[in-house]
Amino acid sequence: MLKIYAKSCALLVAGGLAVTLFSCEKLDVPVESQFVASNFPKTLNDYNASVGAIYSNLSSNFAVPYWRMQTLSTDEAILPARDGNFDDGGQYRQLHYHTWTPDHPNVLSIWQWAYGGITTCNRLLNVTASFNFAEPEKEARLAEIRAMRALYYFFLLDLYGNVPLVTDYPTAPLPATQPRLKIYEFVESELRSLTPKLPAKSAVAATNTQQYGRPTKGMVYALLAKLYLNAEVYGAPARYPDVVRMADSVQANTNYALDARYRDIFLPNNGPQIRETILAIPYDQQIPGNQFTRFGFFYYLTQAYGFNVGLSIAMSTTPEFYARFNLPGDSRTATWLSGPQYVPDGNGGFTSTPVYYPGTTNQVVINPVLTLVPPKPMDLGNTLATQSQGVRSIKYYPDPAIIQATRLNGNDVPVLRLADVLLMKAEAILRGASATAVNGELQTPLVLVNKIRARAGAQQATSIALNGILDERARELSWEAWRRNDLIRFGQFETEYPLPNDVLKMDKSDFRRLYPVPTVELQLNTNLQQNPGY
């Protein structure tokens, strides 16, 4: 119970020579809600206004600290220092070398972000239950909130594993740690119970726009597929046939389809018109917040792309990860900036006009190799040549107007999309599930992978094995915050990719497949238990 306590209080009111002293006894007043009779929500408009807090919280941290925890801890992205610049207390190299501690800033911020979202959901469940809705409408609104709460719990399940399970508001003051399997079972139970109450993706543009970025049946099916694909990682029995069943449930709605052009999914104007989006986090001029240009672009290309603001010059990918983009004709390769650079065409492609380093006639050339310069740890140095090291991502293509104003992207960020679902289905079949037919077509792993490749214009595969699925997921889903999840499932999270002249070593302990409970939270709540190894 949240309460206001005042063991003693005094109000001094001074005016001229007069001083009045008011004293009061201990107060023990339960605070059930921020709402009172005069402002208590009652209508659908009230509901829409109040539920926005769930989504604003989601967008606030997903595309920065959450993304870093899922991506910088893998081979997919690296944020090296440049002669000490961008070191930021070593937090990025701690993620790269798996040496983070319970005091790491992202470990704390994402724990608090997820539980902030959960607390908001729990509060709104109480409030919404009192709205003056017809019962089917009320059930749908309650289902929306519960689905978002389940999503936040999925993030906690994946990152921290053993966490408190809080479903009431106000909450017990000191909730205890629950085992990872219990969180898994809660997320599964919640999602399974919600499918009858959530809307399906609509073919009607106006309706689809209203649903965009909010839970649908498709989101539930896709998140369950993700849950079942990782069931053994989360401590449950294998569920590969259920992955296939959930994937088929997504595909049963023909309003989901692979978009014709891969680049369109990530351009600044992406949105409800992207057919394969199952759940995305909207960002725009009012909600700028994804970091990909600010931290991952190459500074000397800014004028060629139509803006000129101070950006980081640091975040890139590793040579090993970029080497996977080796398929002839693959348009996904163009989502990286590597080699000689040319003026962009404004639509995700490039012209034949070279870009030159400022004040020179030397063409900008980005070198995939990352060569460290000791003794500073994970440091490339800060010459023009070393600044040009490291392949940059341009998957979330920059909008000059928004970048110029905020240094952050306005592109929506997909959380779940159809291509991911198809690759999950292919992997589940390779792990033992049976192939199924959709619209009369038997969807074998090879058929599914070649659907993905065909959309990208890439050379078709003649066979596919599990490691091939992992590489295909790297090409298709790069920088979409799934790499850590994938590597753990494939037993490759501890694989080290040494950089030239590296003086540091990765901690290959498998306990680091879970992040620690933050020190601050342990100090505030003695019922929490730290994850093993920390």
Protein backbone atom coordinates (compact mmCIF):
# COMPACT_ATOMS: atom_id res chain seq x y z
CA MET A 1 0.00 0.00 0.00
CA LEU A 2 1.32 3.43 -0.95
CA LYS A 3 0.88 5.79 1.96
CA ILE A 4 1.78 9.31 2.98
CA TYR A 5 3.42 9.42 6.36
CA ALA A 6 4.06 12.55 8.43
CA LYS A 7 5.35 11.58 11.88
CA SER A 8 5.27 15.22 12.88
CA CYS A 9 4.67 18.38 10.92
CA ALA A 10 4.58 22.05 11.56
CA LEU A 11 3.40 24.86 9.36
CA LEU A 12 4.92 28.20 10.17
CA VAL A 13 3.01 31.17 8.85
CA ALA A 14 4.89 34.38 9.45
CA GLY A 15 3.53 37.83 8.77
CA GLY A 16 4.88 40.97 10.43
CA LEU A 17 5.32 40.21 14.10
CA ALA A 18 2.80 37.37 14.10
CA VAL A 19 3.93 33.73 13.91
CA THR A 20 1.32 30.99 14.00
CA LEU A 21 2.40 27.40 14.64
CA PHE A 22 0.24 24.50 13.45
CA SER A 23 1.16 21.00 14.60
CA CYS A 24 -0.37 17.72 13.53
CA GLU A 25 -0.45 14.08 14.43
CA LYS A 26 0.84 11.12 12.33
CA LEU A 27 -1.00 10.76 9.03
CA ASP A 28 -1.69 7.33 7.55
CA VAL A 29 -3.66 8.05 4.41
CA PRO A 30 -3.98 5.40 1.68
CA VAL A 31 -3.48 6.80 -1.82
CA GLU A 32 -5.41 4.54 -4.19
CA SER A 33 -4.96 6.56 -7.35
CA GLN A 34 -3.94 9.90 -8.82
CA PHE A 35 -7.62 10.30 -9.77
CA VAL A 36 -10.36 11.84 -7.63
CA ALA A 37 -14.09 12.22 -8.26
CA SER A 38 -13.69 15.47 -10.20
CA ASN A 39 -11.20 14.08 -12.72
CA PHE A 40 -11.98 10.37 -12.69
CA PRO A 41 -11.96 9.04 -16.28
CA LYS A 42 -15.29 7.82 -17.60
CA THR A 43 -15.30 7.89 -21.41
CA LEU A 44 -13.42 6.35 -24.32
CA ASN A 45 -11.60 9.65 -24.85
CA ASP A 46 -10.55 9.58 -21.20
CA TYR A 47 -9.30 6.04 -21.68
CA ASN A 48 -7.27 6.92 -24.77
CA ALA A 49 -5.68 9.83 -22.93
CA SER A 50 -4.75 7.75 -19.90
CA VAL A 51 -3.46 4.69 -21.77
CA GLY A 52 -0.96 6.80 -23.67
CA ALA A 53 1.36 6.64 -20.66
CA ILE A 54 2.05 2.96 -21.40
CA TYR A 55 3.27 3.75 -24.90
CA SER A 56 5.22 6.90 -24.07
CA ASN A 57 7.10 4.87 -21.48
CA LEU A 58 7.77 2.13 -24.06
CA SER A 59 9.22 4.55 -26.59
CA SER A 60 11.34 6.36 -24.02
CA ASN A 61 14.00 3.68 -23.56
CA PHE A 62 13.45 0.93 -26.12
CA ALA A 63 15.63 2.38 -28.88
CA VAL A 64 18.52 3.45 -26.63
CA PRO A 65 19.38 1.54 -23.40
CA TYR A 66 17.22 -1.53 -24.13
CA TRP A 67 18.68 -1.76 -27.62
CA ARG A 68 22.20 -1.42 -26.22
CA MET A 69 21.74 -4.28 -23.77
CA GLN A 70 20.44 -6.55 -26.53
CA THR A 71 22.92 -5.48 -29.21
CA LEU A 72 26.18 -4.06 -27.85
CA SER A 73 26.61 -7.27 -25.86
CA THR A 74 26.91 -9.15 -29.19
CA ASP A 75 28.92 -9.01 -32.41
CA GLU A 76 26.17 -6.97 -34.06
CA ALA A 77 27.27 -3.56 -32.80
CA ILE A 78 30.23 -2.05 -31.04
CA LEU A 79 30.79 1.45 -29.67
CA PRO A 80 34.58 1.86 -29.32
CA ALA A 81 36.31 4.90 -27.87
CA ARG A 82 38.23 7.31 -30.08
CA ASP A 83 41.27 8.50 -28.10
CA GLY A 84 39.15 8.45 -24.95
CA ASN A 85 36.12 10.10 -26.54
CA PHE A 86 32.82 8.21 -26.29
CA ASP A 87 34.15 5.96 -23.53
CA ASP A 88 31.44 7.19 -21.13
CA GLY A 89 32.88 5.50 -18.08
CA GLY A 90 33.51 2.23 -19.91
CA GLN A 91 29.83 1.25 -20.12
CA TYR A 92 30.00 0.26 -23.81
CA ARG A 93 33.13 -1.87 -23.51
CA GLN A 94 31.65 -3.55 -20.44
CA LEU A 95 28.77 -4.68 -22.67
CA HIS A 96 31.17 -5.77 -25.42
CA TYR A 97 33.42 -7.79 -23.10
CA HIS A 98 30.60 -9.09 -20.87
CA THR A 99 32.09 -7.42 -17.80
CA TRP A 100 29.05 -5.41 -16.72
CA THR A 101 28.22 -5.16 -13.03
CA PRO A 102 24.97 -4.60 -11.10
CA ASP A 103 25.87 -0.89 -11.17
CA HIS A 104 25.91 -0.61 -14.98
CA PRO A 105 23.66 2.33 -15.95
CA ASN A 106 21.66 0.36 -18.54
CA VAL A 107 21.08 -2.50 -16.08
CA LEU A 108 19.36 -0.05 -13.73
CA SER A 109 17.56 2.08 -16.31
CA ILE A 110 15.92 -0.85 -18.11
CA TRP A 111 14.85 -2.54 -14.86
CA GLN A 112 13.17 0.71 -13.78
CA TRP A 113 11.77 1.32 -17.29
CA ALA A 114 10.11 -2.10 -17.44
CA TYR A 115 8.67 -1.89 -13.93
CA GLY A 116 7.56 1.67 -14.59
CA GLY A 117 5.57 0.35 -17.54
CA ILE A 118 4.18 -2.52 -15.47
CA THR A 119 3.12 -0.18 -12.65
CA THR A 120 1.35 2.05 -15.16
CA CYS A 121 -0.45 -0.98 -16.60
CA ASN A 122 -1.51 -2.18 -13.17
CA ARG A 123 -2.80 1.26 -12.23
CA LEU A 124 -4.74 1.62 -15.48
CA LEU A 125 -6.30 -1.81 -15.08
CA ASN A 126 -7.85 -0.57 -11.84
CA VAL A 127 -9.01 2.68 -13.39
CA THR A 128 -10.36 1.17 -16.61
CA ALA A 129 -12.41 -1.39 -14.71
CA SER A 130 -14.54 1.55 -13.50
CA PHE A 131 -15.07 3.14 -16.92
CA ASN A 132 -18.60 3.52 -18.29
CA PHE A 133 -18.03 1.19 -21.26
CA ALA A 134 -20.25 -1.53 -22.62
CA GLU A 135 -18.83 -4.83 -21.40
CA PRO A 136 -17.26 -6.02 -24.70
CA GLU A 137 -15.60 -2.63 -25.12
CA LYS A 138 -14.31 -2.67 -21.56
CA GLU A 139 -12.92 -6.20 -22.01
CA ALA A 140 -11.08 -5.10 -25.14
CA ARG A 141 -9.52 -2.14 -23.35
CA LEU A 142 -8.48 -4.24 -20.37
CA ALA A 143 -6.98 -6.78 -22.80
CA GLU A 144 -4.90 -4.05 -24.43
CA ILE A 145 -3.39 -3.06 -21.10
CA ARG A 146 -2.73 -6.66 -20.07
CA ALA A 147 -1.04 -7.38 -23.40
CA MET A 148 1.31 -4.45 -22.92
CA ARG A 149 2.05 -5.61 -19.38
CA ALA A 150 2.89 -9.06 -20.76
CA LEU A 151 5.26 -7.44 -23.26
CA TYR A 152 7.11 -5.61 -20.47
CA TYR A 153 7.34 -8.88 -18.56
CA PHE A 154 8.72 -10.60 -21.65
CA PHE A 155 11.53 -8.02 -21.73
CA LEU A 156 12.30 -8.69 -18.06
CA LEU A 157 12.09 -12.47 -18.59
CA ASP A 158 14.58 -12.27 -21.44
CA LEU A 159 17.06 -9.86 -19.84
CA TYR A 160 16.95 -10.61 -16.11
CA GLY A 161 15.12 -13.94 -15.82
CA ASN A 162 14.30 -14.07 -12.13
CA VAL A 163 12.25 -11.01 -11.25
CA PRO A 164 9.31 -9.97 -9.04
CA LEU A 165 5.84 -10.62 -10.43
CA VAL A 166 3.63 -7.65 -9.59
CA THR A 167 0.05 -7.62 -10.86
CA ASP A 168 -1.73 -5.41 -8.32
CA TYR A 169 -1.96 -1.69 -7.76
CA PRO A 170 -1.17 -0.42 -5.21
CA THR A 171 1.59 -3.00 -4.86
CA ALA A 172 2.98 -4.78 -1.86
CA PRO A 173 5.91 -2.66 -0.68
CA LEU A 174 8.58 -5.37 -1.07
CA PRO A 175 7.71 -7.93 -3.76
CA ALA A 176 9.95 -11.00 -3.80
CA THR A 177 11.98 -12.43 -6.66
CA GLN A 178 10.18 -15.16 -8.62
CA PRO A 179 11.93 -17.86 -10.68
CA ARG A 180 12.29 -17.33 -14.40
CA LEU A 181 9.98 -20.23 -15.21
CA LYS A 182 7.14 -18.60 -13.26
CA ILE A 183 7.53 -15.39 -15.27
CA TYR A 184 7.51 -17.47 -18.47
CA GLU A 185 4.30 -19.21 -17.39
CA PHE A 186 2.68 -15.90 -16.48
CA VAL A 187 3.48 -14.32 -19.85
CA GLU A 188 2.21 -17.40 -21.69
CA SER A 189 -1.00 -17.58 -19.64
CA GLU A 190 -1.74 -13.87 -20.09
CA LEU A 191 -1.15 -13.91 -23.83
CA ARG A 192 -3.19 -17.06 -24.44
CA SER A 193 -6.16 -15.61 -22.57
CA LEU A 194 -6.13 -12.38 -24.56
CA THR A 195 -6.48 -13.49 -28.17
CA PRO A 196 -10.32 -13.56 -28.19
CA LYS A 197 -10.44 -10.01 -26.82
CA LEU A 198 -7.93 -8.22 -29.07
CA PRO A 199 -8.59 -6.96 -32.61
CA ALA A 200 -7.11 -8.56 -35.71
CA LYS A 201 -5.11 -6.44 -38.12
CA SER A 202 -7.60 -4.79 -40.44
CA ALA A 203 -7.59 -4.25 -44.19
CA VAL A 204 -9.30 -0.91 -43.63
CA ALA A 205 -6.62 1.77 -43.64
CA ALA A 206 -8.26 3.98 -41.02
CA THR A 207 -8.81 1.07 -38.65
CA ASN A 208 -5.29 -0.23 -39.19
CA THR A 209 -3.92 3.22 -38.40
CA GLN A 210 -5.82 3.25 -35.11
CA GLN A 211 -4.40 -0.19 -34.25
CA TYR A 212 -0.83 0.64 -35.27
CA GLY A 213 1.64 0.40 -32.41
CA ARG A 214 -0.96 -1.28 -30.17
CA PRO A 215 -1.61 -4.94 -29.31
CA THR A 216 -3.49 -7.10 -31.78
CA LYS A 217 -4.09 -10.82 -32.14
CA GLY A 218 -1.07 -10.89 -34.44
CA MET A 219 1.15 -9.39 -31.75
CA VAL A 220 0.02 -12.04 -29.28
CA TYR A 221 0.68 -14.87 -31.75
CA ALA A 222 4.11 -13.49 -32.70
CA LEU A 223 5.15 -12.91 -29.08
CA LEU A 224 4.00 -16.41 -28.16
CA ALA A 225 6.07 -17.76 -31.05
CA LYS A 226 9.09 -15.91 -29.65
CA LEU A 227 8.33 -17.23 -26.16
CA TYR A 228 8.00 -20.82 -27.36
CA LEU A 229 11.11 -20.63 -29.56
CA ASN A 230 13.12 -19.72 -26.46
CA ALA A 231 11.23 -22.00 -24.05
CA GLU A 232 14.27 -24.15 -23.21
CA VAL A 233 16.37 -21.05 -22.56
CA TYR A 234 13.70 -19.84 -20.16
CA GLY A 235 13.64 -23.15 -18.26
CA ALA A 236 10.56 -24.74 -19.86
CA PRO A 237 10.25 -27.84 -22.08
CA ALA A 238 10.77 -27.42 -25.83
CA ARG A 239 7.73 -26.02 -27.67
CA TYR A 240 8.75 -26.07 -31.34
CA PRO A 241 5.42 -27.33 -32.74
CA ASP A 242 3.75 -24.42 -30.92
CA VAL A 243 6.12 -22.00 -32.64
CA VAL A 244 4.84 -23.29 -35.97
CA ARG A 245 1.23 -23.10 -34.79
CA MET A 246 1.65 -19.47 -33.71
CA ALA A 247 3.40 -18.57 -36.96
CA ASP A 248 0.53 -20.08 -38.93
CA SER A 249 -1.92 -18.08 -36.80
CA VAL A 250 -0.15 -14.88 -37.82
CA GLN A 251 -0.19 -15.89 -41.50
CA ALA A 252 -3.89 -16.77 -41.32
CA ASN A 253 -4.53 -13.02 -41.42
CA THR A 254 -3.75 -12.15 -45.03
CA ASN A 255 -3.42 -8.48 -44.12
CA TYR A 256 0.11 -9.43 -43.08
CA ALA A 257 2.47 -9.79 -46.04
CA LEU A 258 6.13 -9.20 -46.81
CA ASP A 259 6.53 -5.70 -48.22
CA ALA A 260 7.86 -5.55 -51.74
CA ARG A 261 10.93 -3.47 -50.86
CA TYR A 262 13.04 -4.19 -47.79
CA ARG A 263 14.23 -0.58 -47.44
CA ASP A 264 10.68 0.75 -47.13
CA ILE A 265 10.25 -0.92 -43.73
CA PHE A 266 12.82 1.41 -42.14
CA LEU A 267 12.55 4.70 -44.02
CA PRO A 268 11.52 7.87 -42.11
CA ASN A 269 7.96 7.64 -43.46
CA ASN A 270 7.43 4.05 -42.33
CA GLY A 271 4.18 3.48 -40.47
CA PRO A 272 0.81 1.72 -40.72
CA GLN A 273 1.21 1.22 -44.48
CA ILE A 274 4.02 -1.32 -43.88
CA ARG A 275 2.15 -4.58 -44.30
CA GLU A 276 4.47 -6.87 -42.38
CA THR A 277 4.55 -4.78 -39.21
CA ILE A 278 3.04 -6.70 -36.30
CA LEU A 279 4.15 -4.32 -33.54
CA ALA A 280 6.21 -1.18 -33.97
CA ILE A 281 7.17 1.70 -31.68
CA PRO A 282 6.20 4.96 -33.38
CA TYR A 283 8.64 7.86 -33.39
CA ASP A 284 8.01 11.15 -35.17
CA GLN A 285 8.63 14.88 -34.85
CA GLN A 286 6.84 14.87 -31.50
CA ILE A 287 8.41 11.67 -30.22
CA PRO A 288 11.97 11.55 -31.57
CA GLY A 289 14.03 9.06 -29.67
CA ASN A 290 15.75 6.31 -31.59
CA GLN A 291 19.49 6.73 -31.54
CA PHE A 292 20.66 5.15 -34.74
CA THR A 293 21.85 8.22 -36.63
CA ARG A 294 23.14 10.13 -33.63
CA PHE A 295 25.43 7.31 -32.50
CA GLY A 296 25.87 5.17 -35.61
CA PHE A 297 26.23 7.55 -38.55
CA PHE A 298 29.53 8.75 -40.03
CA TYR A 299 30.08 12.43 -39.26
CA TYR A 300 31.80 13.29 -42.53
CA LEU A 301 28.71 12.28 -44.51
CA THR A 302 26.26 14.61 -42.76
CA GLN A 303 26.25 17.38 -45.38
CA ALA A 304 25.81 14.87 -48.20
CA TYR A 305 22.66 13.61 -46.42
CA GLY A 306 21.26 17.10 -45.95
CA PHE A 307 22.07 17.94 -42.34
CA ASN A 308 25.01 19.18 -40.32
CA VAL A 309 24.81 18.64 -36.57
CA GLY A 310 27.12 17.27 -33.94
CA LEU A 311 26.98 13.47 -33.97
CA SER A 312 28.94 10.67 -32.40
CA ILE A 313 31.46 9.08 -34.70
CA ALA A 314 31.76 5.82 -32.82
CA MET A 315 29.06 3.13 -33.11
CA SER A 316 29.53 0.56 -35.86
CA THR A 317 29.42 -3.18 -36.41
CA THR A 318 32.17 -5.77 -36.13
CA PRO A 319 33.96 -7.05 -39.25
CA GLU A 320 32.70 -10.57 -38.51
CA PHE A 321 29.08 -9.50 -38.43
CA TYR A 322 29.34 -7.42 -41.59
CA ALA A 323 30.97 -10.37 -43.40
CA ARG A 324 27.59 -12.14 -43.32
CA PHE A 325 26.27 -9.63 -45.86
CA ASN A 326 27.82 -11.54 -48.73
CA LEU A 327 24.87 -12.65 -50.87
CA PRO A 328 24.84 -11.47 -54.51
CA GLY A 329 22.06 -8.97 -55.19
CA ASP A 330 21.08 -8.61 -51.52
CA SER A 331 19.53 -5.16 -50.97
CA ARG A 332 20.08 -5.57 -47.22
CA THR A 333 23.80 -4.97 -47.81
CA ALA A 334 22.93 -1.38 -48.74
CA THR A 335 21.80 -0.80 -45.15
CA TRP A 336 25.50 -0.53 -44.23
CA LEU A 337 27.99 2.19 -45.07
CA SER A 338 31.26 0.52 -46.10
CA GLY A 339 33.96 1.27 -48.65
CA PRO A 340 33.84 4.33 -50.96
CA GLN A 341 30.89 6.61 -50.20
CA TYR A 342 28.48 8.23 -52.62
CA VAL A 343 25.77 10.89 -52.37
CA PRO A 344 22.46 9.27 -51.33
CA ASP A 345 19.38 9.32 -53.54
CA GLY A 346 17.06 10.14 -50.61
CA ASN A 347 15.17 6.85 -50.89
CA GLY A 348 17.53 4.39 -49.27
CA GLY A 349 19.93 4.12 -52.22
CA PHE A 350 22.89 5.98 -53.68
CA THR A 351 23.85 8.06 -56.70
CA SER A 352 27.17 7.80 -58.56
CA THR A 353 28.46 11.10 -57.13
CA PRO A 354 31.34 10.62 -54.67
CA VAL A 355 31.38 12.20 -51.20
CA TYR A 356 34.68 13.86 -50.27
CA TYR A 357 36.26 14.58 -46.91
CA PRO A 358 35.69 18.31 -46.17
CA GLY A 359 38.15 20.60 -47.91
CA THR A 360 39.72 17.81 -49.95
CA THR A 361 39.26 15.87 -53.16
CA ASN A 362 39.70 12.58 -51.30
CA GLN A 363 36.62 10.36 -51.40
CA VAL A 364 35.29 9.22 -48.06
CA VAL A 365 36.15 5.54 -47.58
CA ILE A 366 34.87 3.54 -44.60
CA ASN A 367 37.14 0.68 -43.57
CA PRO A 368 35.41 -2.39 -42.04
CA VAL A 369 38.49 -3.27 -39.97
CA LEU A 370 38.66 -2.08 -36.35
CA THR A 371 42.29 -1.85 -35.20
CA LEU A 372 42.70 -0.86 -31.56
CA VAL A 373 45.41 1.50 -30.33
CA PRO A 374 46.55 0.54 -26.79
CA PRO A 375 46.98 1.33 -23.98
CA LYS A 376 43.53 2.90 -23.77
CA PRO A 377 41.00 0.03 -23.65
CA MET A 378 38.81 -0.66 -26.72
CA ASP A 379 40.11 2.54 -28.31
CA LEU A 380 40.67 3.14 -32.03
CA GLY A 381 42.45 6.47 -31.76
CA ASN A 382 41.13 9.68 -33.26
CA THR A 383 42.90 10.35 -36.55
CA LEU A 384 40.96 10.75 -39.79
CA ALA A 385 41.98 7.23 -40.76
CA THR A 386 40.83 5.67 -37.48
CA GLN A 387 37.63 7.71 -37.48
CA SER A 388 36.89 6.07 -40.82
CA GLN A 389 37.15 2.58 -39.33
CA GLY A 390 34.00 0.59 -38.64
CA VAL A 391 31.03 -0.16 -40.88
CA ARG A 392 28.11 2.13 -40.04
CA SER A 393 24.45 1.19 -40.20
CA ILE A 394 22.04 3.25 -42.27
CA LYS A 395 19.16 0.84 -41.89
CA TYR A 396 17.05 3.52 -40.17
CA TYR A 397 17.54 6.04 -42.95
CA PRO A 398 17.93 9.60 -41.59
CA ASP A 399 15.32 12.29 -42.11
CA PRO A 400 17.35 15.52 -42.46
CA ALA A 401 14.66 17.73 -40.92
CA ILE A 402 14.30 15.68 -37.74
CA ILE A 403 18.02 14.95 -37.40
CA GLN A 404 18.84 18.63 -37.76
CA ALA A 405 16.40 19.52 -34.97
CA THR A 406 16.95 16.68 -32.51
CA ARG A 407 19.98 14.57 -33.56
CA LEU A 408 17.64 11.56 -33.22
CA ASN A 409 15.64 9.58 -35.76
CA GLY A 410 11.88 9.73 -36.25
CA ASN A 411 11.70 6.34 -37.97
CA ASP A 412 9.35 3.87 -36.29
CA VAL A 413 11.19 0.86 -34.86
CA PRO A 414 9.71 -2.61 -35.44
CA VAL A 415 9.51 -4.93 -32.46
CA LEU A 416 7.76 -7.82 -34.23
CA ARG A 417 7.25 -8.28 -37.97
CA LEU A 418 6.29 -11.04 -40.38
CA ALA A 419 9.80 -11.78 -41.67
CA ASP A 420 10.86 -12.60 -38.10
CA VAL A 421 7.84 -14.89 -37.72
CA LEU A 422 8.72 -16.79 -40.92
CA LEU A 423 12.31 -17.26 -39.79
CA MET A 424 11.13 -18.45 -36.37
CA LYS A 425 8.93 -21.00 -38.10
CA ALA A 426 11.83 -22.20 -40.27
CA GLU A 427 14.05 -22.59 -37.22
CA ALA A 428 11.40 -24.46 -35.24
CA ILE A 429 10.98 -26.96 -38.11
CA LEU A 430 14.75 -27.49 -38.28
CA ARG A 431 14.68 -28.13 -34.53
CA GLY A 432 12.08 -30.88 -34.89
CA ALA A 433 8.63 -29.49 -35.64
CA SER A 434 6.72 -30.56 -38.74
CA ALA A 435 6.37 -28.31 -41.76
CA THR A 436 2.85 -27.04 -42.45
CA ALA A 437 1.09 -25.69 -45.52
CA VAL A 438 -0.20 -22.12 -45.80
CA ASN A 439 -2.51 -21.27 -48.71
CA GLY A 440 -1.73 -24.63 -50.26
CA GLU A 441 2.05 -24.18 -50.09
CA LEU A 442 4.16 -26.49 -47.90
CA GLN A 443 6.39 -24.12 -45.97
CA THR A 444 9.65 -25.95 -45.47
CA PRO A 445 12.60 -24.07 -43.97
CA LEU A 446 14.11 -23.64 -47.44
CA VAL A 447 10.86 -22.23 -48.84
CA LEU A 448 10.58 -19.78 -45.93
CA VAL A 449 14.17 -18.58 -46.15
CA ASN A 450 13.90 -18.09 -49.89
CA LYS A 451 10.76 -15.98 -49.42
CA ILE A 452 12.87 -13.65 -47.27
CA ARG A 453 15.74 -13.66 -49.74
CA ALA A 454 13.50 -13.11 -52.76
CA ARG A 455 12.08 -9.94 -51.21
CA ALA A 456 15.66 -8.68 -50.66
CA GLY A 457 16.70 -9.59 -54.22
CA ALA A 458 19.32 -11.98 -52.80
CA GLN A 459 20.57 -15.17 -54.36
CA GLN A 460 18.29 -18.09 -53.53
CA ALA A 461 19.53 -20.77 -51.14
CA THR A 462 19.78 -24.38 -52.31
CA SER A 463 19.77 -25.79 -48.77
CA ILE A 464 19.43 -24.48 -45.24
CA ALA A 465 20.65 -25.69 -41.84
CA LEU A 466 20.40 -24.22 -38.35
CA ASN A 467 23.56 -22.13 -38.61
CA GLY A 468 22.23 -20.81 -41.90
CA ILE A 469 19.09 -19.68 -40.09
CA LEU A 470 21.22 -17.77 -37.58
CA ASP A 471 23.06 -16.03 -40.43
CA GLU A 472 19.78 -15.26 -42.21
CA ARG A 473 18.39 -13.73 -39.02
CA ALA A 474 21.54 -11.59 -38.82
CA ARG A 475 21.01 -10.30 -42.35
CA GLU A 476 17.27 -9.75 -42.03
CA LEU A 477 16.96 -8.49 -38.46
CA SER A 478 20.20 -6.58 -37.88
CA TRP A 479 19.87 -3.77 -35.34
CA GLU A 480 16.30 -4.78 -34.42
CA ALA A 481 17.34 -5.83 -30.87
CA TRP A 482 17.11 -9.63 -31.32
CA ARG A 483 20.79 -10.62 -31.70
CA ARG A 484 21.48 -11.38 -28.03
CA ASN A 485 18.30 -13.47 -27.84
CA ASP A 486 19.35 -15.40 -30.96
CA LEU A 487 22.95 -16.02 -29.89
CA ILE A 488 21.92 -17.34 -26.49
CA ARG A 489 19.45 -19.76 -28.10
CA PHE A 490 22.16 -20.99 -30.47
CA GLY A 491 24.74 -21.32 -27.67
CA GLN A 492 27.00 -18.67 -29.25
CA PHE A 493 26.61 -15.73 -26.88
CA GLU A 494 30.08 -16.39 -25.44
CA THR A 495 31.84 -16.49 -28.83
CA GLU A 496 34.69 -13.98 -28.85
CA TYR A 497 35.77 -11.92 -31.85
CA PRO A 498 39.19 -10.48 -30.90
CA LEU A 499 40.09 -7.10 -32.37
CA PRO A 500 43.67 -6.43 -33.50
CA ASN A 501 45.88 -5.21 -30.61
CA ASP A 502 43.15 -5.99 -28.06
CA VAL A 503 44.44 -6.06 -24.48
CA LEU A 504 41.10 -7.05 -22.94
CA LYS A 505 39.33 -10.41 -22.91
CA MET A 506 35.67 -11.34 -22.90
CA ASP A 507 34.26 -12.94 -19.78
CA LYS A 508 32.84 -16.15 -21.24
CA SER A 509 30.93 -17.16 -18.11
CA ASP A 510 27.51 -18.46 -19.06
CA PHE A 511 25.89 -16.78 -16.04
CA ARG A 512 26.10 -13.59 -18.11
CA ARG A 513 23.25 -14.84 -20.25
CA LEU A 514 21.23 -13.02 -17.59
CA TYR A 515 21.83 -9.47 -16.46
CA PRO A 516 22.13 -8.78 -12.73
CA VAL A 517 19.56 -7.22 -10.47
CA PRO A 518 20.65 -3.58 -10.03
CA THR A 519 22.46 -2.76 -6.81
CA VAL A 520 20.06 0.09 -6.02
CA GLU A 521 17.06 -2.25 -6.25
CA LEU A 522 18.69 -4.78 -3.94
CA GLN A 523 19.32 -2.04 -1.40
CA LEU A 524 15.72 -0.83 -1.57
CA ASN A 525 14.12 -4.28 -1.48
CA THR A 526 15.63 -6.96 0.74
CA ASN A 527 13.23 -9.56 -0.74
CA LEU A 528 15.08 -9.46 -4.07
CA GLN A 529 17.67 -12.11 -4.85
CA GLN A 530 20.68 -11.48 -7.05
CA ASN A 531 21.10 -13.66 -10.14
CA PRO A 532 23.80 -16.37 -9.82
CA GLY A 533 27.36 -15.32 -10.60
CA TYR A 534 27.01 -11.72 -9.53
